[in-house]
C-alpha atoms as a PDB file:
ATOM      1  CA  MET A   1      66.615  95.989  57.341  1.00  0.00           C
ATOM      2  CA  ASP A   2      67.973  95.517  53.813  1.00  0.00           C
ATOM      3  CA  ILE A   3      70.840  97.634  52.528  1.00  0.00           C
ATOM      4  CA  GLU A   4      68.695  99.375  49.919  1.00  0.00           C
ATOM      5  CA  ARG A   5      66.291 100.677  52.548  1.00  0.00           C
ATOM      6  CA  LEU A   6      69.176 101.858  54.725  1.00  0.00           C
ATOM      7  CA  VAL A   7      70.798 103.704  51.803  1.00  0.00           C
ATOM      8  CA  SER A   8      67.446 105.337  51.028  1.00  0.00           C
ATOM      9  CA  LEU A   9      67.145 106.584  54.615  1.00  0.00           C
ATOM     10  CA  LEU A  10      70.701 107.905  54.619  1.00  0.00           C
ATOM     11  CA  ASP A  11      70.243 109.664  51.258  1.00  0.00           C
ATOM     12  CA  ASN A  12      66.873 111.203  52.144  1.00  0.00           C
ATOM     13  CA  PRO A  13      66.925 113.032  55.521  1.00  0.00           C
ATOM     14  CA  ALA A  14      63.206 113.881  55.349  1.00  0.00           C
ATOM     15  CA  ASP A  15      62.354 110.216  54.765  1.00  0.00           C
ATOM     16  CA  ALA A  16      64.614 109.245  57.666  1.00  0.00           C
ATOM     17  CA  ARG A  17      62.951 111.727  60.010  1.00  0.00           C
ATOM     18  CA  SER A  18      59.481 110.439  59.102  1.00  0.00           C
ATOM     19  CA  TRP A  19      60.625 106.867  59.694  1.00  0.00           C
ATOM     20  CA  LEU A  20      62.156 107.741  63.077  1.00  0.00           C
ATOM     21  CA  GLU A  21      58.927 109.392  64.179  1.00  0.00           C
ATOM     22  CA  THR A  22      57.121 106.078  63.619  1.00  0.00           C
ATOM     23  CA  LEU A  23      59.592 104.548  66.105  1.00  0.00           C
ATOM     24  CA  GLY A  24      58.689 107.110  68.760  1.00  0.00           C
ATOM     25  CA  VAL A  25      61.767 109.318  68.371  1.00  0.00           C
ATOM     26  CA  ASP A  26      60.533 112.735  69.470  1.00  0.00           C
ATOM     27  CA  ASN A  27      63.482 114.728  68.113  1.00  0.00           C
ATOM     28  CA  ALA A  28      63.554 113.238  64.623  1.00  0.00           C
ATOM     29  CA  GLU A  29      66.049 115.804  63.314  1.00  0.00           C
ATOM     30  CA  ARG A  30      68.585 114.807  65.948  1.00  0.00           C
ATOM     31  CA  GLY A  31      67.766 111.154  65.311  1.00  0.00           C
ATOM     32  CA  GLN A  32      68.494 111.602  61.604  1.00  0.00           C
ATOM     33  CA  ARG A  33      71.893 113.039  62.500  1.00  0.00           C
ATOM     34  CA  ASN A  34      72.462 110.050  64.780  1.00  0.00           C
ATOM     35  CA  LEU A  35      71.881 107.702  61.843  1.00  0.00           C
ATOM     36  CA  GLU A  36      74.219 109.749  59.676  1.00  0.00           C
ATOM     37  CA  HIS A  37      76.972 109.639  62.301  1.00  0.00           C
ATOM     38  CA  LEU A  38      76.512 105.876  62.731  1.00  0.00           C
ATOM     39  CA  SER A  39      77.050 105.473  58.989  1.00  0.00           C
ATOM     40  CA  GLN A  40      80.399 107.257  59.359  1.00  0.00           C
ATOM     41  CA  CYS A  41      81.711 105.332  62.378  1.00  0.00           C
ATOM     42  CA  GLY A  42      83.485 102.542  60.468  1.00  0.00           C
ATOM     43  CA  MET A  43      80.883  99.776  60.305  1.00  0.00           C
ATOM     44  CA  THR A  44      80.328  98.091  56.965  1.00  0.00           C
ATOM     45  CA  LEU A  45      77.056  98.958  55.264  1.00  0.00           C
ATOM     46  CA  ASP A  46      75.631  95.447  55.607  1.00  0.00           C
ATOM     47  CA  LEU A  47      76.484  95.362  59.320  1.00  0.00           C
ATOM     48  CA  LEU A  48      74.975  98.804  59.861  1.00  0.00           C
ATOM     49  CA  ALA A  49      71.801  97.595  58.144  1.00  0.00           C
ATOM     50  CA  VAL A  50      71.551  94.796  60.706  1.00  0.00           C
ATOM     51  CA  ILE A  51      72.075  97.212  63.611  1.00  0.00           C
ATOM     52  CA  VAL A  52      69.541  99.734  62.286  1.00  0.00           C
ATOM     53  CA  GLY A  53      67.079  96.882  61.861  1.00  0.00           C
ATOM     54  CA  GLN A  54      67.587  95.970  65.528  1.00  0.00           C
ATOM     55  CA  LEU A  55      67.068  99.602  66.497  1.00  0.00           C
ATOM     56  CA  ALA A  56      63.785  99.628  64.578  1.00  0.00           C
ATOM     57  CA  LYS A  57      62.702  96.553  66.507  1.00  0.00           C
ATOM     58  CA  HIS A  58      63.646  97.748  70.004  1.00  0.00           C
ATOM     59  CA  LEU A  59      63.252 101.539  70.065  1.00  0.00           C
ATOM     60  CA  PRO A  60      59.415 101.603  70.064  1.00  0.00           C
ATOM     61  CA  SER A  61      59.342  99.669  73.342  1.00  0.00           C
ATOM     62  CA  MET A  62      61.780 102.014  75.105  1.00  0.00           C
ATOM     63  CA  SER A  63      60.634 104.644  77.603  1.00  0.00           C
ATOM     64  CA  ASP A  64      62.503 107.370  75.651  1.00  0.00           C
ATOM     65  CA  PRO A  65      63.460 106.157  72.150  1.00  0.00           C
ATOM     66  CA  GLY A  66      65.075 109.456  71.156  1.00  0.00           C
ATOM     67  CA  MET A  67      67.340 109.592  74.206  1.00  0.00           C
ATOM     68  CA  ALA A  68      68.267 105.944  73.713  1.00  0.00           C
ATOM     69  CA  LEU A  69      69.194 106.449  70.055  1.00  0.00           C
ATOM     70  CA  ASN A  70      71.230 109.561  70.748  1.00  0.00           C
ATOM     71  CA  SER A  71      73.115 107.897  73.596  1.00  0.00           C
ATOM     72  CA  PHE A  72      73.693 104.762  71.518  1.00  0.00           C
ATOM     73  CA  GLU A  73      75.283 106.763  68.720  1.00  0.00           C
ATOM     74  CA  ARG A  74      77.534 108.571  71.198  1.00  0.00           C
ATOM     75  CA  PHE A  75      78.428 105.234  72.816  1.00  0.00           C
ATOM     76  CA  VAL A  76      79.434 103.663  69.484  1.00  0.00           C
ATOM     77  CA  ALA A  77      81.622 106.682  68.704  1.00  0.00           C
ATOM     78  CA  GLN A  78      83.540 106.123  71.961  1.00  0.00           C
ATOM     79  CA  THR A  79      84.152 102.397  71.523  1.00  0.00           C
ATOM     80  CA  ARG A  80      87.656 101.342  70.579  1.00  0.00           C
ATOM     81  CA  SER A  81      86.356  99.492  67.515  1.00  0.00           C
ATOM     82  CA  PRO A  82      82.841 100.284  66.304  1.00  0.00           C
ATOM     83  CA  LEU A  83      83.196  97.478  63.759  1.00  0.00           C
ATOM     84  CA  ALA A  84      83.962  94.903  66.462  1.00  0.00           C
ATOM     85  CA  PHE A  85      81.164  96.254  68.638  1.00  0.00           C
ATOM     86  CA  GLY A  86      78.707  96.077  65.753  1.00  0.00           C
ATOM     87  CA  SER A  87      79.748  92.474  65.135  1.00  0.00           C
ATOM     88  CA  LEU A  88      79.029  91.707  68.793  1.00  0.00           C
ATOM     89  CA  LEU A  89      75.525  93.130  68.445  1.00  0.00           C
ATOM     90  CA  GLU A  90      74.982  91.071  65.283  1.00  0.00           C
ATOM     91  CA  ARG A  91      75.951  87.871  67.122  1.00  0.00           C
ATOM     92  CA  ASP A  92      74.058  88.768  70.307  1.00  0.00           C
ATOM     93  CA  PRO A  93      70.993  90.906  69.483  1.00  0.00           C
ATOM     94  CA  GLU A  94      69.876  90.859  73.133  1.00  0.00           C
ATOM     95  CA  SER A  95      72.894  93.016  74.020  1.00  0.00           C
ATOM     96  CA  LEU A  96      71.479  95.955  72.091  1.00  0.00           C
ATOM     97  CA  ALA A  97      68.081  95.615  73.767  1.00  0.00           C
ATOM     98  CA  ILE A  98      69.786  95.707  77.176  1.00  0.00           C
ATOM     99  CA  LEU A  99      71.963  98.669  76.250  1.00  0.00           C
ATOM    100  CA  LEU A 100      68.999 100.659  74.939  1.00  0.00           C
ATOM    101  CA  GLN A 101      66.947  99.810  78.024  1.00  0.00           C
ATOM    102  CA  ILE A 102      69.579 101.331  80.300  1.00  0.00           C
ATOM    103  CA  MET A 103      70.095 104.335  78.046  1.00  0.00           C
ATOM    104  CA  SER A 104      66.394 105.101  77.775  1.00  0.00           C
ATOM    105  CA  THR A 105      65.936 104.937  81.557  1.00  0.00           C
ATOM    106  CA  SER A 106      68.598 107.382  82.738  1.00  0.00           C
ATOM    107  CA  GLN A 107      70.785 109.921  80.947  1.00  0.00           C
ATOM    108  CA  TYR A 108      73.160 109.774  83.908  1.00  0.00           C
ATOM    109  CA  LEU A 109      73.670 106.031  83.469  1.00  0.00           C
ATOM    110  CA  ALA A 110      73.955 106.456  79.708  1.00  0.00           C
ATOM    111  CA  ASP A 111      76.691 109.064  80.206  1.00  0.00           C
ATOM    112  CA  LEU A 112      78.593 106.683  82.507  1.00  0.00           C
ATOM    113  CA  LEU A 113      78.531 104.029  79.790  1.00  0.00           C
ATOM    114  CA  ILE A 114      79.621 106.513  77.141  1.00  0.00           C
ATOM    115  CA  ARG A 115      82.505 107.650  79.318  1.00  0.00           C
ATOM    116  CA  ASP A 116      83.738 104.067  79.736  1.00  0.00           C
ATOM    117  CA  PRO A 117      82.327 101.814  76.976  1.00  0.00           C
ATOM    118  CA  ASP A 118      84.467  98.836  78.047  1.00  0.00           C
ATOM    119  CA  VAL A 119      82.374  98.510  81.213  1.00  0.00           C
ATOM    120  CA  PHE A 120      79.512  97.136  79.101  1.00  0.00           C
ATOM    121  CA  ASP A 121      81.440  93.865  78.752  1.00  0.00           C
ATOM    122  CA  LEU A 122      81.608  93.664  82.545  1.00  0.00           C
ATOM    123  CA  LEU A 123      77.860  94.240  82.774  1.00  0.00           C
ATOM    124  CA  ARG A 124      77.178  91.456  80.296  1.00  0.00           C
ATOM    125  CA  ILE A 125      79.382  89.084  82.316  1.00  0.00           C
ATOM    126  CA  THR A 126      78.110  89.936  85.790  1.00  0.00           C
ATOM    127  CA  GLU A 127      74.473  90.549  84.736  1.00  0.00           C
ATOM    128  CA  GLY A 128      74.066  92.875  87.699  1.00  0.00           C
ATOM    129  CA  GLN A 129      74.349  90.122  90.290  1.00  0.00           C
ATOM    130  CA  PRO A 130      74.637  91.395  93.903  1.00  0.00           C
ATOM    131  CA  VAL A 131      78.132  91.387  95.408  1.00  0.00           C
ATOM    132  CA  ALA A 132      78.943  90.741  99.069  1.00  0.00           C
ATOM    133  CA  ARG A 133      79.921  93.782 101.114  1.00  0.00           C
ATOM    134  CA  GLN A 134      83.349  92.411 102.048  1.00  0.00           C
ATOM    135  CA  VAL A 135      84.162  91.666  98.410  1.00  0.00           C
ATOM    136  CA  LEU A 136      83.541  95.316  97.528  1.00  0.00           C
ATOM    137  CA  VAL A 137      85.634  96.499 100.476  1.00  0.00           C
ATOM    138  CA  ASP A 138      88.526  94.203  99.555  1.00  0.00           C
ATOM    139  CA  GLU A 139      88.395  95.283  95.899  1.00  0.00           C
ATOM    140  CA  ILE A 140      88.550  98.997  96.623  1.00  0.00           C
ATOM    141  CA  ARG A 141      91.289  98.496  99.208  1.00  0.00           C
ATOM    142  CA  ALA A 142      93.418  96.772  96.579  1.00  0.00           C
ATOM    143  CA  GLU A 143      92.754  99.487  93.991  1.00  0.00           C
ATOM    144  CA  VAL A 144      93.488 102.342  96.399  1.00  0.00           C
ATOM    145  CA  GLU A 145      96.751 100.705  97.471  1.00  0.00           C
ATOM    146  CA  ARG A 146      98.065 101.337  93.957  1.00  0.00           C
ATOM    147  CA  ALA A 147      97.282 105.069  94.082  1.00  0.00           C
ATOM    148  CA  ASN A 148     100.413 107.180  94.449  1.00  0.00           C
ATOM    149  CA  ASP A 149      98.855 110.577  95.055  1.00  0.00           C
ATOM    150  CA  GLU A 150      95.592 112.287  95.931  1.00  0.00           C
ATOM    151  CA  ARG A 151      94.470 112.909  92.352  1.00  0.00           C
ATOM    152  CA  MET A 152      95.007 109.290  91.435  1.00  0.00           C
ATOM    153  CA  ALA A 153      93.111 108.158  94.532  1.00  0.00           C
ATOM    154  CA  MET A 154      90.181 110.408  93.626  1.00  0.00           C
ATOM    155  CA  SER A 155      90.147 108.927  90.139  1.00  0.00           C
ATOM    156  CA  VAL A 156      90.192 105.376  91.523  1.00  0.00           C
ATOM    157  CA  LEU A 157      87.284 106.096  93.863  1.00  0.00           C
ATOM    158  CA  ARG A 158      85.167 107.743  91.172  1.00  0.00           C
ATOM    159  CA  ARG A 159      85.823 105.131  88.492  1.00  0.00           C
ATOM    160  CA  TYR A 160      85.050 102.351  90.919  1.00  0.00           C
ATOM    161  CA  LYS A 161      81.805 104.016  91.949  1.00  0.00           C
ATOM    162  CA  GLN A 162      80.739 104.543  88.342  1.00  0.00           C
ATOM    163  CA  ARG A 163      81.530 100.979  87.347  1.00  0.00           C
ATOM    164  CA  GLU A 164      79.727  99.445  90.313  1.00  0.00           C
ATOM    165  CA  THR A 165      76.781 101.826  89.983  1.00  0.00           C
ATOM    166  CA  LEU A 166      76.267 100.524  86.451  1.00  0.00           C
ATOM    167  CA  ARG A 167      76.382  96.935  87.742  1.00  0.00           C
ATOM    168  CA  ILE A 168      73.743  97.765  90.345  1.00  0.00           C
ATOM    169  CA  ALA A 169      71.615  99.622  87.791  1.00  0.00           C
ATOM    170  CA  TYR A 170      71.773  96.623  85.444  1.00  0.00           C
ATOM    171  CA  GLY A 171      70.375  94.443  88.214  1.00  0.00           C
ATOM    172  CA  ASP A 172      67.754  97.077  88.966  1.00  0.00           C
ATOM    173  CA  ILE A 173      66.620  98.016  85.446  1.00  0.00           C
ATOM    174  CA  VAL A 174      67.290  94.879  83.416  1.00  0.00           C
ATOM    175  CA  ARG A 175      66.932  92.077  85.973  1.00  0.00           C
ATOM    176  CA  GLY A 176      64.227  93.685  88.074  1.00  0.00           C
ATOM    177  CA  GLN A 177      65.877  93.080  91.446  1.00  0.00           C
ATOM    178  CA  SER A 178      63.953  94.106  94.564  1.00  0.00           C
ATOM    179  CA  ILE A 179      64.289  97.616  95.951  1.00  0.00           C
ATOM    180  CA  ASP A 180      65.783  96.166  99.143  1.00  0.00           C
ATOM    181  CA  THR A 181      68.532  94.444  97.159  1.00  0.00           C
ATOM    182  CA  VAL A 182      69.263  97.550  95.109  1.00  0.00           C
ATOM    183  CA  THR A 183      69.445  99.969  98.047  1.00  0.00           C
ATOM    184  CA  GLN A 184      71.560  97.530 100.033  1.00  0.00           C
ATOM    185  CA  GLN A 185      74.001  97.191  97.134  1.00  0.00           C
ATOM    186  CA  ILE A 186      74.206 100.986  96.755  1.00  0.00           C
ATOM    187  CA  SER A 187      74.871 101.248 100.504  1.00  0.00           C
ATOM    188  CA  TYR A 188      77.557  98.543 100.437  1.00  0.00           C
ATOM    189  CA  LEU A 189      79.258 100.431  97.617  1.00  0.00           C
ATOM    190  CA  ALA A 190      79.312 103.595  99.755  1.00  0.00           C
ATOM    191  CA  ASP A 191      80.747 101.585 102.665  1.00  0.00           C
ATOM    192  CA  ALA A 192      83.549 100.335 100.432  1.00  0.00           C
ATOM    193  CA  LEU A 193      84.368 103.772  99.020  1.00  0.00           C
ATOM    194  CA  CYS A 194      84.488 105.303 102.508  1.00  0.00           C
ATOM    195  CA  GLU A 195      86.850 102.516 103.545  1.00  0.00           C
ATOM    196  CA  GLY A 196      89.035 103.195 100.524  1.00  0.00           C
ATOM    197  CA  ALA A 197      89.141 106.928 101.237  1.00  0.00           C
ATOM    198  CA  ILE A 198      90.057 106.381 104.892  1.00  0.00           C
ATOM    199  CA  ARG A 199      92.754 103.862 104.010  1.00  0.00           C
ATOM    200  CA  PHE A 200      94.408 106.161 101.485  1.00  0.00           C
ATOM    201  CA  ALA A 201      94.108 109.326 103.574  1.00  0.00           C
ATOM    202  CA  ARG A 202      95.500 107.635 106.678  1.00  0.00           C
ATOM    203  CA  ARG A 203      98.427 106.113 104.790  1.00  0.00           C
ATOM    204  CA  GLN A 204      99.336 109.489 103.296  1.00  0.00           C
ATOM    205  CA  LEU A 205      99.066 111.339 106.590  1.00  0.00           C
ATOM    206  CA  GLU A 206     101.043 108.747 108.546  1.00  0.00           C
ATOM    207  CA  SER A 207     103.856 108.961 105.997  1.00  0.00           C
ATOM    208  CA  LYS A 208     104.243 112.637 106.925  1.00  0.00           C
ATOM    209  CA  ARG A 209     103.399 112.719 110.634  1.00  0.00           C
ATOM    210  CA  GLY A 210     103.788 109.178 111.904  1.00  0.00           C
ATOM    211  CA  ALA A 211     101.148 106.861 113.311  1.00  0.00           C
ATOM    212  CA  PRO A 212      98.830 108.218 116.036  1.00  0.00           C
ATOM    213  CA  ARG A 213      99.449 106.520 119.381  1.00  0.00           C
ATOM    214  CA  ARG A 214      97.332 106.285 122.497  1.00  0.00           C
ATOM    215  CA  PRO A 215      98.984 106.977 125.872  1.00  0.00           C
ATOM    216  CA  ASP A 216      99.471 103.202 126.309  1.00  0.00           C
ATOM    217  CA  GLY A 217     101.420 103.043 123.039  1.00  0.00           C
ATOM    218  CA  ALA A 218      98.754 101.254 121.028  1.00  0.00           C
ATOM    219  CA  THR A 219      97.737 102.585 117.624  1.00  0.00           C
ATOM    220  CA  ALA A 220      94.895 105.083 117.974  1.00  0.00           C
ATOM    221  CA  ARG A 221      91.707 104.139 116.163  1.00  0.00           C
ATOM    222  CA  PHE A 222      89.347 106.044 113.841  1.00  0.00           C
ATOM    223  CA  VAL A 223      85.911 105.097 112.560  1.00  0.00           C
ATOM    224  CA  ALA A 224      83.196 106.449 110.291  1.00  0.00           C
ATOM    225  CA  LEU A 225      79.629 105.929 111.481  1.00  0.00           C
ATOM    226  CA  ALA A 226      76.822 106.155 108.929  1.00  0.00           C
ATOM    227  CA  LEU A 227      73.414 107.533 109.844  1.00  0.00           C
ATOM    228  CA  GLY A 228      70.291 108.205 107.803  1.00  0.00           C
ATOM    229  CA  LYS A 229      69.759 106.263 104.592  1.00  0.00           C
ATOM    230  CA  LEU A 230      73.295 104.902 104.493  1.00  0.00           C
ATOM    231  CA  GLY A 231      73.074 103.766 108.097  1.00  0.00           C
ATOM    232  CA  GLY A 232      69.839 101.953 107.335  1.00  0.00           C
ATOM    233  CA  GLU A 233      71.241 100.424 104.115  1.00  0.00           C
ATOM    234  CA  GLU A 234      68.589 102.378 102.203  1.00  0.00           C
ATOM    235  CA  LEU A 235      70.788 104.605 100.062  1.00  0.00           C
ATOM    236  CA  ASN A 236      69.562 105.529  96.574  1.00  0.00           C
ATOM    237  CA  TYR A 237      71.574 106.474  93.494  1.00  0.00           C
ATOM    238  CA  SER A 238      71.750 110.207  94.272  1.00  0.00           C
ATOM    239  CA  SER A 239      71.730 110.290  98.088  1.00  0.00           C
ATOM    240  CA  ASP A 240      74.129 112.288 100.215  1.00  0.00           C
ATOM    241  CA  ILE A 241      75.898 110.259 102.895  1.00  0.00           C
ATOM    242  CA  ASP A 242      75.513 111.274 106.556  1.00  0.00           C
ATOM    243  CA  LEU A 243      78.678 110.500 108.513  1.00  0.00           C
ATOM    244  CA  ILE A 244      80.048 110.973 112.015  1.00  0.00           C
ATOM    245  CA  PHE A 245      83.784 110.509 112.642  1.00  0.00           C
ATOM    246  CA  LEU A 246      85.010 109.200 116.017  1.00  0.00           C
ATOM    247  CA  SER A 247      88.452 108.377 117.373  1.00  0.00           C
ATOM    248  CA  ASP A 248      90.313 107.310 120.481  1.00  0.00           C
ATOM    249  CA  ASP A 249      90.674 110.238 122.835  1.00  0.00           C
ATOM    250  CA  ASP A 250      94.276 111.172 123.696  1.00  0.00           C
ATOM    251  CA  GLY A 251      97.838 110.802 122.435  1.00  0.00           C
ATOM    252  CA  ALA A 252     100.152 112.004 119.674  1.00  0.00           C
ATOM    253  CA  THR A 253     101.782 110.699 116.511  1.00  0.00           C
ATOM    254  CA  ASP A 254     105.144 108.952 116.638  1.00  0.00           C
ATOM    255  CA  GLY A 255     106.786 110.694 113.678  1.00  0.00           C
ATOM    256  CA  GLU A 256     109.588 113.240 113.665  1.00  0.00           C
ATOM    257  CA  ARG A 257     107.014 115.967 112.996  1.00  0.00           C
ATOM    258  CA  SER A 258     104.663 114.806 115.714  1.00  0.00           C
ATOM    259  CA  ILE A 259     101.199 116.311 116.167  1.00  0.00           C
ATOM    260  CA  SER A 260      98.421 115.558 118.624  1.00  0.00           C
ATOM    261  CA  ASN A 261      96.004 112.796 117.767  1.00  0.00           C
ATOM    262  CA  ARG A 262      93.194 115.322 117.711  1.00  0.00           C
ATOM    263  CA  GLU A 263      94.960 117.335 115.009  1.00  0.00           C
ATOM    264  CA  PHE A 264      95.862 114.156 113.131  1.00  0.00           C
ATOM    265  CA  PHE A 265      92.298 112.885 113.039  1.00  0.00           C
ATOM    266  CA  ASP A 266      90.850 116.301 112.185  1.00  0.00           C
ATOM    267  CA  ARG A 267      93.179 116.402 109.182  1.00  0.00           C
ATOM    268  CA  LEU A 268      92.304 112.810 108.345  1.00  0.00           C
ATOM    269  CA  ALA A 269      88.579 113.592 108.354  1.00  0.00           C
ATOM    270  CA  ALA A 270      89.085 116.646 106.141  1.00  0.00           C
ATOM    271  CA  ASN A 271      91.119 114.610 103.664  1.00  0.00           C
ATOM    272  CA  VAL A 272      88.513 111.842 103.583  1.00  0.00           C
ATOM    273  CA  VAL A 273      85.744 114.334 102.822  1.00  0.00           C
ATOM    274  CA  LYS A 274      87.899 115.893 100.107  1.00  0.00           C
ATOM    275  CA  LEU A 275      88.619 112.526  98.503  1.00  0.00           C
ATOM    276  CA  LEU A 276      84.918 111.729  98.332  1.00  0.00           C
ATOM    277  CA  SER A 277      83.346 115.101  97.565  1.00  0.00           C
ATOM    278  CA  GLU A 278      85.776 117.292  95.608  1.00  0.00           C
ATOM    279  CA  THR A 279      84.713 117.832  92.001  1.00  0.00           C
ATOM    280  CA  THR A 280      87.081 116.375  89.391  1.00  0.00           C
ATOM    281  CA  ASP A 281      86.753 115.663  85.675  1.00  0.00           C
ATOM    282  CA  LEU A 282      85.031 112.442  86.783  1.00  0.00           C
ATOM    283  CA  GLY A 283      82.626 114.315  89.051  1.00  0.00           C
ATOM    284  CA  ILE A 284      82.342 113.479  92.735  1.00  0.00           C
ATOM    285  CA  ALA A 285      81.975 110.209  94.607  1.00  0.00           C
ATOM    286  CA  TYR A 286      79.508 111.515  97.238  1.00  0.00           C
ATOM    287  CA  ARG A 287      78.270 114.666  98.865  1.00  0.00           C
ATOM    288  CA  VAL A 288      79.276 114.172 102.503  1.00  0.00           C
ATOM    289  CA  ASP A 289      77.103 115.632 105.272  1.00  0.00           C
ATOM    290  CA  LEU A 290      78.694 115.892 108.731  1.00  0.00           C
ATOM    291  CA  ARG A 291      75.963 118.022 110.313  1.00  0.00           C
ATOM    292  CA  LEU A 292      74.627 115.190 112.469  1.00  0.00           C
ATOM    293  CA  ARG A 293      77.834 115.119 114.510  1.00  0.00           C
ATOM    294  CA  PRO A 294      77.761 116.427 118.121  1.00  0.00           C
ATOM    295  CA  ASP A 295      77.180 120.200 118.144  1.00  0.00           C
ATOM    296  CA  GLY A 296      76.577 120.141 114.386  1.00  0.00           C
ATOM    297  CA  LYS A 297      78.508 122.717 112.356  1.00  0.00           C
ATOM    298  CA  GLN A 298      79.851 124.279 115.550  1.00  0.00           C
ATOM    299  CA  GLY A 299      81.468 121.030 116.678  1.00  0.00           C
ATOM    300  CA  PRO A 300      84.864 119.634 115.622  1.00  0.00           C
ATOM    301  CA  PRO A 301      84.859 117.246 112.650  1.00  0.00           C
ATOM    302  CA  VAL A 302      86.036 114.354 114.833  1.00  0.00           C
ATOM    303  CA  HIS A 303      84.997 113.550 118.403  1.00  0.00           C
ATOM    304  CA  GLY A 304      86.769 111.320 120.854  1.00  0.00           C
ATOM    305  CA  ILE A 305      84.702 108.403 122.104  1.00  0.00           C
ATOM    306  CA  SER A 306      84.438 109.716 125.673  1.00  0.00           C
ATOM    307  CA  ALA A 307      83.451 113.221 124.565  1.00  0.00           C
ATOM    308  CA  ALA A 308      80.816 111.870 122.179  1.00  0.00           C
ATOM    309  CA  LEU A 309      79.284 109.610 124.838  1.00  0.00           C
ATOM    310  CA  GLN A 310      79.127 112.507 127.290  1.00  0.00           C
ATOM    311  CA  TYR A 311      77.489 114.715 124.674  1.00  0.00           C
ATOM    312  CA  TYR A 312      74.681 112.276 123.927  1.00  0.00           C
ATOM    313  CA  ASP A 313      74.220 111.539 127.630  1.00  0.00           C
ATOM    314  CA  VAL A 314      74.060 115.177 128.748  1.00  0.00           C
ATOM    315  CA  SER A 315      73.489 117.554 125.832  1.00  0.00           C
ATOM    316  CA  GLY A 316      72.142 115.537 122.930  1.00  0.00           C
ATOM    317  CA  ARG A 317      68.588 116.306 121.901  1.00  0.00           C
ATOM    318  CA  THR A 318      65.996 113.596 121.422  1.00  0.00           C
ATOM    319  CA  TRP A 319      66.159 113.696 117.620  1.00  0.00           C
ATOM    320  CA  GLU A 320      69.946 113.368 117.752  1.00  0.00           C
ATOM    321  CA  ARG A 321      69.658 110.204 119.832  1.00  0.00           C
ATOM    322  CA  GLN A 322      66.918 108.869 117.608  1.00  0.00           C
ATOM    323  CA  ALA A 323      69.205 109.253 114.597  1.00  0.00           C
ATOM    324  CA  PHE A 324      71.252 106.375 115.976  1.00  0.00           C
ATOM    325  CA  VAL A 325      68.393 103.939 115.462  1.00  0.00           C
ATOM    326  CA  LYS A 326      69.832 103.490 111.954  1.00  0.00           C
ATOM    327  CA  ALA A 327      73.513 103.955 112.797  1.00  0.00           C
ATOM    328  CA  ARG A 328      76.227 101.609 111.510  1.00  0.00           C
ATOM    329  CA  ALA A 329      79.992 101.543 111.774  1.00  0.00           C
ATOM    330  CA  ILE A 330      80.975 101.341 108.100  1.00  0.00           C
ATOM    331  CA  ALA A 331      84.674 102.133 107.647  1.00  0.00           C
ATOM    332  CA  GLY A 332      87.912 102.447 109.554  1.00  0.00           C
ATOM    333  CA  ASP A 333      88.054 100.613 112.881  1.00  0.00           C
ATOM    334  CA  VAL A 334      84.568  99.123 112.786  1.00  0.00           C
ATOM    335  CA  GLY A 335      85.113  97.490 116.186  1.00  0.00           C
ATOM    336  CA  LEU A 336      85.571 100.907 117.768  1.00  0.00           C
ATOM    337  CA  GLY A 337      82.320 102.089 116.224  1.00  0.00           C
ATOM    338  CA  GLN A 338      80.395  99.021 117.337  1.00  0.00           C
ATOM    339  CA  ALA A 339      81.696  99.427 120.889  1.00  0.00           C
ATOM    340  CA  PHE A 340      80.547 103.056 120.855  1.00  0.00           C
ATOM    341  CA  LEU A 341      77.055 102.114 119.683  1.00  0.00           C
ATOM    342  CA  GLU A 342      76.792  99.494 122.418  1.00  0.00           C
ATOM    343  CA  ARG A 343      77.559 102.110 125.063  1.00  0.00           C
ATOM    344  CA  LEU A 344      74.861 104.533 123.968  1.00  0.00           C
ATOM    345  CA  GLU A 345      71.644 104.816 125.920  1.00  0.00           C
ATOM    346  CA  PRO A 346      70.084 101.329 126.198  1.00  0.00           C
ATOM    347  CA  TRP A 347      66.786 102.345 124.583  1.00  0.00           C
ATOM    348  CA  VAL A 348      68.616 103.593 121.515  1.00  0.00           C
ATOM    349  CA  PHE A 349      70.720 100.464 121.213  1.00  0.00           C
ATOM    350  CA  ARG A 350      67.800  98.084 121.722  1.00  0.00           C
ATOM    351  CA  ARG A 351      65.993  99.693 118.787  1.00  0.00           C
ATOM    352  CA  TYR A 352      69.238  99.615 116.777  1.00  0.00           C
ATOM    353  CA  LEU A 353      69.553  95.853 117.325  1.00  0.00           C
ATOM    354  CA  THR A 354      65.953  95.024 116.491  1.00  0.00           C
ATOM    355  CA  ARG A 355      65.474  97.109 113.327  1.00  0.00           C
END
């Protein structure tokens, strides 16, 4: 677009609204304000003309041109240097097409980008490529280790989820990855965040009460099992996560203010759920559902291994056993969880192995 045409659009709101309607912008009045705000963001007029010309090229092919334009204007306003960002788009026109594609697909994803514009550079570098589960786990462990208090840990977990969700969405929306790859990546991200929450919560609790010990003196173990969509590595962007917490059975902590292992692990579970599900200015990480645990809402938040095995052997209903067809040990002492799954009824475990 030449500068003269841009100036004409900026000086004549009615003309601008008519032009935006030809691009498919349904709320042309808002779109006109978007153009006006872009002209005030600090870009030079010639650079803005280039960007508006790119918008004219790409918006008609978007699923929601108006939402994309509005989100783009908000995004530019949040960048550290709109002039530098505009120069990037001039050098790499494909970047704008990608950004608009994401923003026209989901307002939620657009809002994540607007909240943290710098993450767009990461998306351009990684191009949404899948990441191995252990890499995600190791990354969040390292980030959580630097958290000094609960609020900081919550922020780490939420920022990490938002950043990685955008990476996964890039692979999904822009690169057209398979649904199996996308849901597996979303599930691996949940695994990693649960691991991070358990690591932080356990470290904090042990600093106050000491480490939980079994009667033989060994460190008592704790594991999160995932059922449902997370257990089956089929999680979607907005899914709750279904968890069951298990631990070693007996013992007490070795600190000066010692408590029983049962009390320790009940507190640990409550803190983990809080870290993941409490609303902050960054939202939540996940809604955590513990209702599939033995005895449901009436049962304790954490069951010892022996008590859980007895429950499923004697009292568990058929649908409760069937839920373990898609069970996985995802965080904490994964070996403890795998051993538990192996000791469940053989017909359940055979189906678990062959899914």
